[in-house]
Amino acid sequence: MVKISDLRSREVINIVDGRRLGVICDLDLDLENGRVAAIIVPGSTGLFSFLGGGRDYVILWENIVKIGVDTILVEVKGLIGDR
């Protein structure tokens, strides 16, 4: 079993391109079915992100490949900010 607080401290890496996406900032919960629907990772933190350019990555739970001790590996092709 993994606690939400443990998930939030792990680096999320996309295995498609090897890009580090950041750490989980939030979860999308499916309360009706009692499960996690997606993880949410903050988007880019570049120079213009304070102007609203930074979008969060919403990664469906089905796209998680492996939850390790320090990292969470995801497989998402064509990843773009969603939120």
Foldseek 3Di string as FASTA:
>chain_A
DDDPVQQQQAWEAAPVVRDTQGGFPDFDADVVVGGTQWTKGWADPDPCVVVVPIAIWTGGPVQFDDDDNHHTYGHDPPTDGDD
